[in-house]
N, C-alpha and C. Protein backbone atom coordinates (compact mmCIF):
# COMPACT_ATOMS: atom_id res chain seq x y z
N MET A 1 -10.22 -2.38 11.96
CA MET A 1 -9.27 -2.18 10.89
C MET A 1 -9.65 -3.13 9.75
N GLU A 2 -10.05 -2.56 8.64
CA GLU A 2 -10.42 -3.36 7.48
C GLU A 2 -9.61 -3.01 6.24
N GLN A 3 -8.87 -1.88 6.31
CA GLN A 3 -8.05 -1.50 5.17
C GLN A 3 -6.82 -0.76 5.65
N ILE A 4 -5.70 -1.06 4.99
CA ILE A 4 -4.44 -0.40 5.29
C ILE A 4 -3.86 0.08 3.97
N THR A 5 -3.34 1.29 3.96
CA THR A 5 -2.66 1.81 2.78
C THR A 5 -1.23 2.15 3.17
N LEU A 6 -0.30 1.76 2.33
CA LEU A 6 1.09 2.06 2.60
C LEU A 6 1.80 2.39 1.30
N GLU A 7 2.96 3.01 1.40
CA GLU A 7 3.74 3.34 0.23
C GLU A 7 5.00 2.49 0.25
N PHE A 8 5.34 1.96 -0.91
CA PHE A 8 6.53 1.13 -1.05
C PHE A 8 7.18 1.48 -2.38
N GLN A 9 8.41 1.94 -2.34
CA GLN A 9 9.16 2.33 -3.53
C GLN A 9 8.35 3.27 -4.43
N GLY A 10 7.68 4.23 -3.81
CA GLY A 10 6.93 5.23 -4.54
C GLY A 10 5.57 4.77 -5.05
N LYS A 11 5.17 3.56 -4.71
CA LYS A 11 3.88 3.01 -5.16
C LYS A 11 2.93 2.92 -3.97
N GLN A 12 1.66 3.21 -4.21
CA GLN A 12 0.65 3.09 -3.15
C GLN A 12 0.08 1.67 -3.18
N ILE A 13 0.18 0.99 -2.07
CA ILE A 13 -0.26 -0.38 -1.92
C ILE A 13 -1.40 -0.40 -0.90
N SER A 14 -2.43 -1.17 -1.19
CA SER A 14 -3.55 -1.31 -0.26
C SER A 14 -3.70 -2.75 0.17
N ALA A 15 -4.09 -2.93 1.41
CA ALA A 15 -4.44 -4.25 1.93
C ALA A 15 -5.86 -4.13 2.47
N MET A 16 -6.76 -4.96 1.94
CA MET A 16 -8.15 -4.91 2.37
C MET A 16 -8.53 -6.25 2.97
N LEU A 17 -9.12 -6.20 4.16
CA LEU A 17 -9.53 -7.42 4.84
C LEU A 17 -10.88 -7.87 4.33
N GLN A 18 -10.90 -9.09 3.82
CA GLN A 18 -12.13 -9.79 3.49
C GLN A 18 -11.93 -11.18 4.07
N ALA A 19 -12.24 -11.29 5.36
CA ALA A 19 -11.92 -12.51 6.12
C ALA A 19 -12.28 -13.75 5.32
N PRO A 20 -11.41 -14.71 5.30
CA PRO A 20 -10.22 -14.85 6.16
C PRO A 20 -8.92 -14.39 5.51
N MET A 21 -8.97 -13.49 4.53
CA MET A 21 -7.76 -13.09 3.82
C MET A 21 -7.60 -11.57 3.76
N TRP A 22 -6.35 -11.14 3.66
CA TRP A 22 -6.01 -9.77 3.31
C TRP A 22 -5.70 -9.77 1.82
N TYR A 23 -6.38 -8.94 1.04
CA TYR A 23 -6.15 -8.83 -0.39
C TYR A 23 -5.27 -7.61 -0.64
N ILE A 24 -4.14 -7.84 -1.31
CA ILE A 24 -3.16 -6.80 -1.53
C ILE A 24 -3.28 -6.31 -2.98
N THR A 25 -3.41 -4.99 -3.16
CA THR A 25 -3.57 -4.41 -4.49
C THR A 25 -2.63 -3.24 -4.70
N ILE A 26 -2.34 -2.97 -5.97
CA ILE A 26 -1.61 -1.78 -6.37
C ILE A 26 -2.45 -1.11 -7.44
N ALA A 27 -2.84 0.12 -7.18
CA ALA A 27 -3.68 0.89 -8.12
C ALA A 27 -4.91 0.09 -8.54
N GLY A 28 -5.49 -0.64 -7.59
CA GLY A 28 -6.70 -1.40 -7.85
C GLY A 28 -6.49 -2.75 -8.51
N THR A 29 -5.25 -3.09 -8.84
CA THR A 29 -4.95 -4.38 -9.46
C THR A 29 -4.46 -5.35 -8.39
N ALA A 30 -5.05 -6.53 -8.35
CA ALA A 30 -4.70 -7.53 -7.34
C ALA A 30 -3.26 -8.00 -7.52
N LEU A 31 -2.55 -8.07 -6.38
CA LEU A 31 -1.19 -8.61 -6.38
C LEU A 31 -1.17 -10.00 -5.77
N THR A 32 -1.75 -10.12 -4.58
CA THR A 32 -1.73 -11.39 -3.86
C THR A 32 -2.72 -11.32 -2.72
N LYS A 33 -2.80 -12.38 -1.95
CA LYS A 33 -3.60 -12.39 -0.73
C LYS A 33 -2.79 -13.08 0.35
N LEU A 34 -3.02 -12.64 1.57
CA LEU A 34 -2.33 -13.20 2.73
C LEU A 34 -3.38 -13.60 3.76
N PRO A 35 -3.17 -14.72 4.45
CA PRO A 35 -4.15 -15.14 5.46
C PRO A 35 -4.27 -14.13 6.60
N ALA A 36 -5.47 -13.86 7.01
CA ALA A 36 -5.72 -13.01 8.18
C ALA A 36 -5.57 -13.87 9.43
N THR A 37 -5.16 -13.24 10.52
CA THR A 37 -5.07 -13.94 11.81
C THR A 37 -5.79 -13.11 12.87
N PRO A 38 -6.28 -13.76 13.91
CA PRO A 38 -6.99 -13.02 14.96
C PRO A 38 -6.13 -11.95 15.64
N SER A 39 -4.82 -12.15 15.62
CA SER A 39 -3.93 -11.21 16.31
C SER A 39 -3.44 -10.09 15.39
N ASP A 40 -3.97 -9.98 14.18
CA ASP A 40 -3.53 -8.93 13.26
C ASP A 40 -3.70 -7.54 13.85
N THR A 41 -2.67 -6.74 13.68
CA THR A 41 -2.72 -5.31 14.01
C THR A 41 -2.29 -4.56 12.75
N GLU A 42 -2.48 -3.28 12.74
CA GLU A 42 -2.05 -2.51 11.57
C GLU A 42 -0.55 -2.71 11.35
N ALA A 43 0.22 -2.68 12.42
CA ALA A 43 1.67 -2.84 12.30
C ALA A 43 2.05 -4.23 11.79
N SER A 44 1.38 -5.27 12.27
CA SER A 44 1.74 -6.62 11.85
C SER A 44 1.35 -6.87 10.39
N VAL A 45 0.21 -6.36 9.97
CA VAL A 45 -0.20 -6.53 8.57
C VAL A 45 0.73 -5.74 7.67
N ARG A 46 1.04 -4.53 8.07
CA ARG A 46 1.96 -3.69 7.30
C ARG A 46 3.31 -4.41 7.13
N ALA A 47 3.81 -5.00 8.20
CA ALA A 47 5.10 -5.71 8.15
C ALA A 47 5.02 -6.92 7.22
N ARG A 48 3.93 -7.65 7.26
CA ARG A 48 3.77 -8.82 6.38
C ARG A 48 3.68 -8.41 4.91
N VAL A 49 2.95 -7.33 4.64
CA VAL A 49 2.83 -6.83 3.27
C VAL A 49 4.20 -6.37 2.77
N LEU A 50 4.91 -5.61 3.59
CA LEU A 50 6.24 -5.14 3.19
C LEU A 50 7.20 -6.31 2.95
N ALA A 51 7.14 -7.33 3.79
CA ALA A 51 8.00 -8.51 3.60
C ALA A 51 7.68 -9.20 2.27
N TRP A 52 6.39 -9.30 1.96
CA TRP A 52 5.99 -9.92 0.69
C TRP A 52 6.48 -9.09 -0.49
N LEU A 53 6.31 -7.77 -0.41
CA LEU A 53 6.75 -6.89 -1.49
C LEU A 53 8.26 -6.96 -1.69
N GLU A 54 9.01 -7.02 -0.61
CA GLU A 54 10.47 -7.12 -0.72
C GLU A 54 10.88 -8.45 -1.35
N ALA A 55 10.10 -9.51 -1.12
CA ALA A 55 10.39 -10.82 -1.69
C ALA A 55 9.94 -10.93 -3.15
N HIS A 56 9.07 -10.01 -3.60
CA HIS A 56 8.53 -10.04 -4.97
C HIS A 56 8.62 -8.65 -5.61
N PRO A 57 9.82 -8.08 -5.73
CA PRO A 57 9.95 -6.71 -6.24
C PRO A 57 9.45 -6.54 -7.67
N ASP A 58 9.47 -7.61 -8.46
CA ASP A 58 9.01 -7.51 -9.84
C ASP A 58 7.52 -7.25 -9.94
N MET A 59 6.77 -7.51 -8.88
CA MET A 59 5.33 -7.32 -8.91
C MET A 59 4.93 -5.85 -8.82
N LEU A 60 5.88 -4.96 -8.58
CA LEU A 60 5.55 -3.54 -8.53
C LEU A 60 5.37 -2.95 -9.92
N ASP A 61 5.78 -3.69 -10.93
CA ASP A 61 5.59 -3.27 -12.31
C ASP A 61 4.30 -3.90 -12.80
N ARG A 62 3.26 -3.09 -13.01
CA ARG A 62 1.95 -3.62 -13.38
C ARG A 62 2.00 -4.48 -14.63
N ASP A 63 2.99 -4.30 -15.49
CA ASP A 63 3.11 -5.12 -16.69
C ASP A 63 3.45 -6.57 -16.34
N GLN A 64 3.98 -6.81 -15.15
CA GLN A 64 4.34 -8.16 -14.73
C GLN A 64 3.19 -8.89 -14.05
N ILE A 65 2.09 -8.19 -13.77
CA ILE A 65 0.97 -8.78 -13.07
C ILE A 65 0.13 -9.56 -14.05
N VAL A 66 -0.08 -10.84 -13.75
CA VAL A 66 -0.90 -11.71 -14.58
C VAL A 66 -2.12 -12.11 -13.74
N LEU A 67 -3.29 -11.59 -14.10
CA LEU A 67 -4.47 -11.90 -13.34
C LEU A 67 -4.77 -13.39 -13.45
N GLY A 68 -5.11 -13.99 -12.32
CA GLY A 68 -5.39 -15.42 -12.30
C GLY A 68 -4.15 -16.25 -12.06
N GLY A 69 -3.05 -15.61 -11.76
CA GLY A 69 -1.81 -16.35 -11.50
C GLY A 69 -0.93 -16.37 -12.73
N GLY A 70 0.16 -17.08 -12.62
CA GLY A 70 1.00 -17.15 -13.81
C GLY A 70 2.42 -17.46 -13.51
């Protein structure tokens, strides 16, 4: 498993594994990264991504994304 795609609030979100991190994107634009763990499963990564998205709902609006942080 190196990539997971999920839908959240009508948006397609991707998580791509580039060890040691999962890189989370929306329409090809980087949102964040999450540490990978040896015990990662599709379900566990999906749950972590969804938890992050629920904690950062403003990031679903691409106008709010500031590359390089912010």
